Protein backbone atom coordinates (compact mmCIF):
# COMPACT_ATOMS: atom_id res chain seq x y z
CA MET A 1 0.12 -19.43 -4.55
CA SER A 2 -1.55 -16.09 -5.19
CA LYS A 3 0.17 -12.74 -4.69
CA VAL A 4 -0.98 -9.69 -2.76
CA ILE A 5 -0.32 -6.06 -3.71
CA LEU A 6 -0.17 -3.88 -0.61
CA GLY A 7 -2.35 -1.03 -1.81
CA LYS A 8 -0.69 2.12 -3.05
CA THR A 9 2.77 0.96 -1.90
CA GLY A 10 2.89 -1.35 -4.91
CA ILE A 11 4.74 -3.91 -2.78
CA ALA A 12 3.96 -7.44 -3.97
CA SER A 13 4.26 -10.56 -1.86
CA ILE A 14 3.13 -14.12 -1.97
CA LYS A 15 0.30 -14.82 0.46
CA ASN A 16 2.94 -15.94 2.98
CA ALA A 17 4.75 -13.25 4.98
CA PHE A 18 7.05 -13.83 7.94
CA GLY A 19 6.00 -12.46 11.33
CA ALA A 20 9.25 -12.10 13.26
CA LEU A 21 7.92 -11.56 16.79
CA PRO A 22 8.50 -15.22 17.81
CA ILE A 23 12.15 -15.33 16.74
CA GLN A 24 13.07 -13.21 19.75
CA ARG A 25 12.54 -16.43 21.74
CA VAL A 26 15.15 -18.51 19.87
CA SER A 27 18.91 -18.32 19.40
CA ASP A 28 20.58 -16.16 16.77
CA GLU A 29 21.67 -19.24 14.85
CA TYR A 30 18.20 -20.80 14.83
CA ALA A 31 16.51 -17.51 13.92
CA VAL A 32 18.87 -16.93 10.99
CA MET A 33 18.22 -20.48 9.79
CA LEU A 34 14.45 -19.87 9.84
CA LEU A 35 14.69 -16.52 8.08
CA ARG A 36 17.05 -17.79 5.38
CA LYS A 37 14.98 -20.91 4.83
CA ALA A 38 11.85 -18.79 4.44
CA TYR A 39 13.62 -16.52 1.94
CA ASP A 40 15.03 -19.44 -0.05
CA ALA A 41 11.50 -20.89 -0.26
CA GLY A 42 10.00 -17.67 -1.64
CA PHE A 43 9.15 -15.41 1.33
CA THR A 44 10.02 -11.79 0.56
CA PHE A 45 8.07 -9.83 3.24
CA PHE A 46 9.29 -9.76 6.85
CA ASP A 47 7.60 -7.87 9.69
CA THR A 48 9.18 -6.98 13.03
CA ALA A 49 9.19 -4.16 15.62
CA ARG A 50 11.41 -2.28 18.05
CA TYR A 51 9.35 -3.82 20.87
CA TYR A 52 10.35 -7.34 19.80
CA THR A 53 13.66 -7.22 21.73
CA ASP A 54 16.38 -8.64 19.43
CA SER A 55 14.14 -9.62 16.51
CA GLU A 56 15.47 -6.77 14.35
CA ILE A 57 19.07 -7.77 15.07
CA LYS A 58 18.35 -11.31 13.90
CA LEU A 59 16.89 -9.96 10.66
CA GLY A 60 20.08 -7.96 10.20
CA LEU A 61 22.16 -11.08 10.69
CA ALA A 62 20.09 -13.01 8.14
CA PHE A 63 19.88 -10.49 5.33
CA GLY A 64 23.12 -8.79 4.42
CA ASN A 65 24.64 -7.62 1.18
CA GLY A 66 23.06 -9.09 -1.91
CA THR A 67 19.78 -9.93 -0.20
CA ARG A 68 18.38 -6.68 1.16
CA GLU A 69 17.12 -5.34 -2.17
CA LYS A 70 15.29 -8.60 -2.83
CA ILE A 71 13.06 -8.42 0.26
CA HIS A 72 10.71 -5.99 1.98
CA ILE A 73 11.07 -5.25 5.68
CA ALA A 74 8.39 -3.63 7.82
CA THR A 75 9.09 -2.56 11.37
CA LYS A 76 7.36 -0.42 13.98
CA THR A 77 7.89 2.30 16.54
CA GLY A 78 5.82 2.83 19.66
CA ALA A 79 7.29 6.32 20.10
CA THR A 80 5.02 9.05 21.40
CA THR A 81 7.45 11.95 20.85
CA PRO A 82 9.56 12.99 17.84
CA GLU A 83 12.74 12.48 19.88
CA ALA A 84 11.80 8.87 20.67
CA PHE A 85 10.74 8.38 17.03
CA TRP A 86 14.20 9.29 15.73
CA ARG A 87 15.93 7.15 18.37
CA ASP A 88 13.79 4.16 17.39
CA LEU A 89 14.34 4.70 13.67
CA GLU A 90 18.12 4.96 13.95
CA THR A 91 18.22 1.92 16.24
CA SER A 92 16.14 -0.11 13.78
CA LEU A 93 18.35 0.85 10.85
CA THR A 94 21.46 -0.12 12.81
CA ASN A 95 19.96 -3.36 14.13
CA MET A 96 18.94 -4.52 10.67
CA ASN A 97 22.12 -3.36 8.96
CA THR A 98 20.19 -1.35 6.38
CA ASP A 99 19.90 2.28 5.34
CA TYR A 100 16.15 2.17 4.67
CA ILE A 101 12.94 0.53 5.90
CA ASP A 102 10.27 -0.40 3.36
CA ILE A 103 7.29 0.22 5.66
CA TYR A 104 7.65 2.10 8.95
CA GLN A 105 4.59 1.72 11.15
CA PHE A 106 3.25 3.49 14.23
CA HIS A 107 2.84 0.63 16.71
CA ASN A 108 -0.59 0.42 18.38
CA LEU A 109 -0.76 4.02 19.59
CA PRO A 110 -4.04 4.98 21.31
CA PHE A 111 -4.62 7.65 18.65
CA CYS A 112 -4.08 8.16 14.94
CA PRO A 113 -1.11 10.50 14.35
CA LYS A 114 -1.90 13.29 11.91
CA PRO A 115 -0.18 16.47 10.74
CA GLY A 116 -0.83 19.34 13.12
CA ASP A 117 -2.13 17.19 15.99
CA GLY A 118 0.58 18.52 18.33
CA SER A 119 2.46 15.24 18.69
CA GLY A 120 4.89 15.92 15.87
CA LEU A 121 4.91 12.21 15.01
CA TYR A 122 3.45 12.30 11.52
CA GLU A 123 5.69 15.22 10.63
CA ALA A 124 8.67 13.10 11.72
CA MET A 125 7.48 10.31 9.43
CA LEU A 126 7.38 12.73 6.50
CA VAL A 127 10.91 13.97 7.19
CA ALA A 128 12.19 10.38 7.46
CA LYS A 129 10.52 9.54 4.14
CA ALA A 130 12.00 12.63 2.47
CA GLN A 131 15.43 11.55 3.72
CA GLY A 132 14.97 8.12 2.15
CA LYS A 133 15.17 6.33 5.50
CA ILE A 134 11.65 4.97 5.08
CA ARG A 135 9.75 4.32 1.87
CA HIS A 136 6.14 3.90 3.03
CA ILE A 137 4.13 5.01 6.07
CA GLY A 138 1.99 2.49 7.90
CA ILE A 139 0.15 2.02 11.16
CA THR A 140 -0.75 -0.95 13.34
CA ASN A 141 -3.54 -1.09 15.87
CA HIS A 142 -5.97 -3.24 17.81
CA ARG A 143 -8.63 -0.52 18.10
CA LEU A 144 -11.27 -0.43 15.38
CA ASN A 145 -11.92 3.29 15.77
CA VAL A 146 -8.24 4.19 15.39
CA ALA A 147 -7.84 1.79 12.45
CA ARG A 148 -10.83 3.22 10.61
CA GLU A 149 -9.68 6.77 11.23
CA ALA A 150 -6.24 5.94 9.82
CA VAL A 151 -7.65 4.33 6.67
CA GLU A 152 -10.14 7.11 6.03
CA SER A 153 -7.54 9.83 6.63
CA GLY A 154 -5.63 9.04 3.44
CA LEU A 155 -2.38 9.48 5.38
CA TYR A 156 -1.38 5.83 5.60
CA GLU A 157 -0.33 3.39 2.91
CA THR A 158 -0.78 0.26 5.03
CA LEU A 159 -2.78 -0.88 8.03
CA GLN A 160 -1.80 -3.83 10.19
CA PHE A 161 -4.70 -5.22 12.20
CA PRO A 162 -5.73 -8.55 13.80
CA PHE A 163 -7.56 -10.65 11.24
CA CYS A 164 -8.38 -14.35 11.11
CA TYR A 165 -11.38 -16.60 10.59
CA LEU A 166 -12.74 -15.52 13.97
CA ALA A 167 -13.31 -12.05 12.51
CA THR A 168 -16.57 -10.22 13.12
CA GLU A 169 -18.46 -8.09 10.63
CA HIS A 170 -16.48 -5.08 11.88
CA GLU A 171 -13.13 -6.53 10.79
CA LEU A 172 -14.62 -7.66 7.49
CA GLU A 173 -15.86 -4.11 6.86
CA LEU A 174 -12.38 -2.79 7.68
CA VAL A 175 -10.80 -5.06 5.06
CA LYS A 176 -13.36 -3.85 2.52
CA LEU A 177 -12.66 -0.22 3.42
CA CYS A 178 -8.92 -0.75 2.91
CA LYS A 179 -9.59 -2.15 -0.55
CA GLU A 180 -11.79 0.84 -1.42
CA LYS A 181 -9.14 3.30 -0.21
CA ASN A 182 -6.23 1.35 -1.76
CA VAL A 183 -4.60 0.87 1.65
CA GLY A 184 -2.57 -2.32 2.04
CA PHE A 185 -4.01 -4.64 4.72
CA ILE A 186 -1.43 -6.63 6.72
CA ALA A 187 -3.14 -9.29 8.83
CA MET A 188 -1.55 -10.00 12.20
CA LYS A 189 -2.66 -12.81 14.49
CA GLY A 190 -3.81 -15.02 11.64
CA LEU A 191 -3.78 -17.91 14.12
CA SER A 192 -5.39 -15.78 16.85
CA GLY A 193 -2.37 -15.97 19.11
CA GLY A 194 -2.39 -19.77 19.13
CA LEU A 195 -6.12 -20.40 19.52
CA ILE A 196 -6.36 -21.48 15.88
CA THR A 197 -4.45 -24.72 15.52
CA ASN A 198 -5.14 -25.66 11.90
CA SER A 199 -2.93 -23.61 9.59
CA ARG A 200 -4.57 -25.09 6.48
CA ALA A 201 -7.93 -23.69 7.53
CA ALA A 202 -6.34 -20.36 8.47
CA TYR A 203 -4.62 -20.08 5.10
CA ALA A 204 -7.64 -21.18 3.06
CA TRP A 205 -9.76 -18.53 4.77
CA MET A 206 -7.19 -15.79 4.11
CA GLU A 207 -7.12 -16.83 0.45
CA MET A 208 -10.65 -15.48 0.07
CA PHE A 209 -9.40 -11.88 0.51
CA ASP A 210 -7.21 -10.74 -2.36
CA ASN A 211 -6.03 -7.56 -0.60
CA VAL A 212 -4.95 -9.21 2.67
CA LEU A 213 -1.35 -10.18 3.40
CA PRO A 214 -1.09 -12.48 6.45
CA ILE A 215 2.11 -12.42 8.50
CA TRP A 216 2.50 -15.84 10.10
CA GLY A 217 4.38 -15.84 13.39
CA VAL A 218 7.07 -18.50 13.09
CA GLN A 219 9.18 -19.90 15.93
CA LYS A 220 9.76 -23.53 14.90
CA GLU A 221 11.03 -25.05 11.68
CA SER A 222 8.03 -27.39 11.61
CA GLU A 223 5.69 -24.36 11.60
CA LEU A 224 7.63 -22.78 8.77
CA ASP A 225 7.55 -26.02 6.79
CA GLU A 226 3.74 -25.99 6.90
CA PHE A 227 3.56 -22.55 5.32
CA ILE A 228 6.30 -23.33 2.81
CA SER A 229 4.27 -26.34 1.65
CA TYR A 230 1.38 -23.99 0.84
CA ILE A 231 3.48 -22.13 -1.75
CA THR A 232 3.23 -25.02 -4.20
CA ALA A 233 0.05 -26.60 -2.83
CA PRO A 234 -2.11 -23.86 -1.31
CA PRO A 235 -5.09 -25.16 0.70
CA THR A 236 -8.48 -24.31 -0.73
CA MET A 237 -11.72 -24.00 1.16
CA ASP A 238 -13.64 -27.26 1.15
CA ASP A 239 -16.44 -28.73 3.25
CA GLU A 240 -14.01 -30.20 5.77
CA LEU A 241 -12.20 -26.91 6.42
CA LYS A 242 -15.46 -24.95 6.39
CA SER A 243 -16.88 -27.30 9.03
CA LEU A 244 -13.78 -26.86 11.19
CA ILE A 245 -13.98 -23.08 10.90
CA ASP A 246 -17.69 -23.06 11.75
CA LYS A 247 -16.98 -25.18 14.83
CA ASP A 248 -14.17 -22.86 15.97
CA ARG A 249 -16.29 -19.78 15.43
CA ALA A 250 -19.11 -21.28 17.49
CA GLU A 251 -16.69 -22.04 20.34
CA LEU A 252 -14.50 -18.95 20.29
CA LEU A 253 -16.41 -15.93 19.00
CA GLY A 254 -17.36 -13.40 21.59
CA ASN A 255 -15.89 -12.44 24.94
CA PHE A 256 -12.45 -14.05 24.74
CA CYS A 257 -8.93 -12.75 25.32
CA ARG A 258 -6.86 -12.45 22.12
CA GLY A 259 -3.58 -12.56 24.02
CA CYS A 260 -2.29 -9.26 22.58
CA GLY A 261 -0.65 -8.32 25.90
CA TYR A 262 -1.50 -4.62 25.86
CA CYS A 263 -2.98 -5.04 29.34
CA MET A 264 0.49 -5.78 30.68
CA PRO A 265 2.34 -5.34 32.96
CA CYS A 266 0.24 -6.31 35.97
CA PRO A 267 1.07 -4.74 39.38
CA VAL A 268 1.13 -8.22 40.95
CA ASP A 269 2.74 -9.94 37.95
CA ILE A 270 -0.28 -11.90 36.73
CA GLU A 271 0.54 -13.21 33.25
CA ILE A 272 -2.74 -11.83 31.95
CA ASN A 273 -2.18 -12.51 28.24
CA ASN A 274 -2.11 -16.27 28.90
CA CYS A 275 -4.08 -16.63 32.12
CA ALA A 276 -7.15 -14.75 30.83
CA ARG A 277 -7.56 -17.24 27.97
CA MET A 278 -6.41 -20.42 29.66
CA SER A 279 -9.79 -22.14 29.23
CA GLN A 280 -9.42 -21.94 25.46
CA MET A 281 -5.69 -22.68 25.31
CA ILE A 282 -5.84 -25.77 27.49
CA ARG A 283 -8.54 -27.29 25.29
CA ARG A 284 -6.92 -26.43 21.96
CA SER A 285 -3.36 -27.62 22.46
CA PRO A 286 -1.76 -30.46 24.46
CA SER A 287 -3.05 -29.85 27.98
CA ALA A 288 0.14 -31.06 29.69
CA MET A 289 2.02 -27.90 28.70
CA TRP A 290 -0.52 -25.79 30.62
CA LEU A 291 -0.66 -28.04 33.70
CA THR A 292 2.96 -27.80 34.77
CA GLU A 293 3.89 -26.56 38.25
CA GLU A 294 5.04 -23.33 36.64
CA TYR A 295 1.65 -22.65 35.06
CA GLN A 296 -0.25 -23.77 38.14
CA GLU A 297 1.67 -21.13 40.08
CA LYS A 298 0.90 -18.51 37.43
CA MET A 299 -2.80 -19.32 37.46
CA LEU A 300 -3.04 -19.31 41.25
CA ASN A 301 -1.44 -15.86 41.23
CA ILE A 302 -4.78 -14.60 39.91
CA GLU A 303 -5.96 -14.82 43.54
CA ASN A 304 -3.65 -11.88 44.27
CA CYS A 305 -5.52 -9.61 41.84
CA LEU A 306 -5.85 -6.09 43.31
CA GLU A 307 -9.01 -5.27 41.30
CA CYS A 308 -7.17 -2.10 40.25
CA GLY A 309 -8.79 -2.15 36.83
CA GLN A 310 -5.63 -1.22 34.93
CA CYS A 311 -5.91 -4.23 32.64
CA ARG A 312 -9.57 -3.50 31.93
CA SER A 313 -8.82 0.12 31.02
CA LYS A 314 -6.01 -0.87 28.62
CA CYS A 315 -7.81 -3.69 26.79
CA PRO A 316 -8.33 -2.60 23.15
CA TYR A 317 -11.29 -5.02 22.90
CA GLY A 318 -13.13 -3.59 25.91
CA LEU A 319 -13.05 -6.88 27.85
CA ASP A 320 -13.73 -7.14 31.57
CA THR A 321 -10.31 -8.68 32.10
CA PRO A 322 -10.48 -9.16 35.90
CA GLU A 323 -13.72 -11.12 35.47
CA LEU A 324 -12.17 -13.21 32.69
CA LEU A 325 -9.24 -14.03 34.96
CA LYS A 326 -11.58 -15.23 37.72
CA LEU A 327 -13.59 -17.40 35.32
CA ASN A 328 -10.45 -18.94 33.87
CA LEU A 329 -9.04 -19.66 37.32
CA ALA A 330 -12.25 -21.39 38.42
CA ASP A 331 -12.21 -23.51 35.27
CA TYR A 332 -8.52 -24.31 35.75
CA LYS A 333 -9.09 -25.49 39.32
CA ASP A 334 -11.89 -27.78 38.14
CA ILE A 335 -9.52 -29.26 35.57
CA LEU A 336 -6.78 -29.78 38.16
CA SER A 337 -9.22 -31.48 40.54
CA GLY A 338 -10.53 -33.76 37.83
CA LYS A 339 -14.05 -32.32 37.84
CA ILE A 340 -13.51 -31.39 34.19
CA LYS A 341 -11.64 -33.60 31.75
CA VAL A 342 -9.64 -32.09 28.89
């Protein structure tokens, strides 16, 4: 398996990194088992966030004395004030039982923090770095304009951005720009939030970019086992995988919900991040899981949409989310009635 150097940080990792968002959904014991198994297999880069409920705590439980110096941990703050920044940082350090964070990232802010911009956020980052509490400054985003601004500013050592084989020319240009500027590129949503179901194809595609480090979201041991197997036998792009990728791109590129959840919460509790992409999800994974009474109720709740436009205004991809919800509901009803077979 090839290694990735994260730009000017100098941090090296195998092409497998552990995305710890999903472990907030499992028990402490199971999460620690996954994290330790990943480490024992060769994973050394782990990404989490303050927003991921108890994910940081589980990392702290997994990696105590004797292990911390052998791994790299990246976490994130969504703080918009210096006061909230320091609260988040101290909480993260306590949660993870560590006195430093390898990469501390601004988490999907609607702007690119810079010195002198009035927010005080970047200045707080610099103080934290001078104190040794963080070692490298990064940023994550879903907005191309903010991401490009961050990379071109020279202020950030890493960028975390959605990247998978459904990427458009804009994302490909962003990866190239990061390489030119020596900014480490951390790829989130390598499986497009569950829409990509073939991890071999996803990995083989990532392998084509030597400056990209994918963080694979892992919740089940079987998922982890797939990525562990790629350490000794990494998939390579062949005609079969290329055909699968071409088929997925033809079906999924364009006006589809990525499931990032930044449109949430909804005033009438519509589960937008799943309901607005139900047509794709129900066709790309076992349909029974999406046809339960619970999900039928969630989909029918779309009928209570207030047309307030909040979700549309918050979508980083500029989607007409209310219209997507209506289209997905109509499709779902046709599936329930038997008009459409899945």
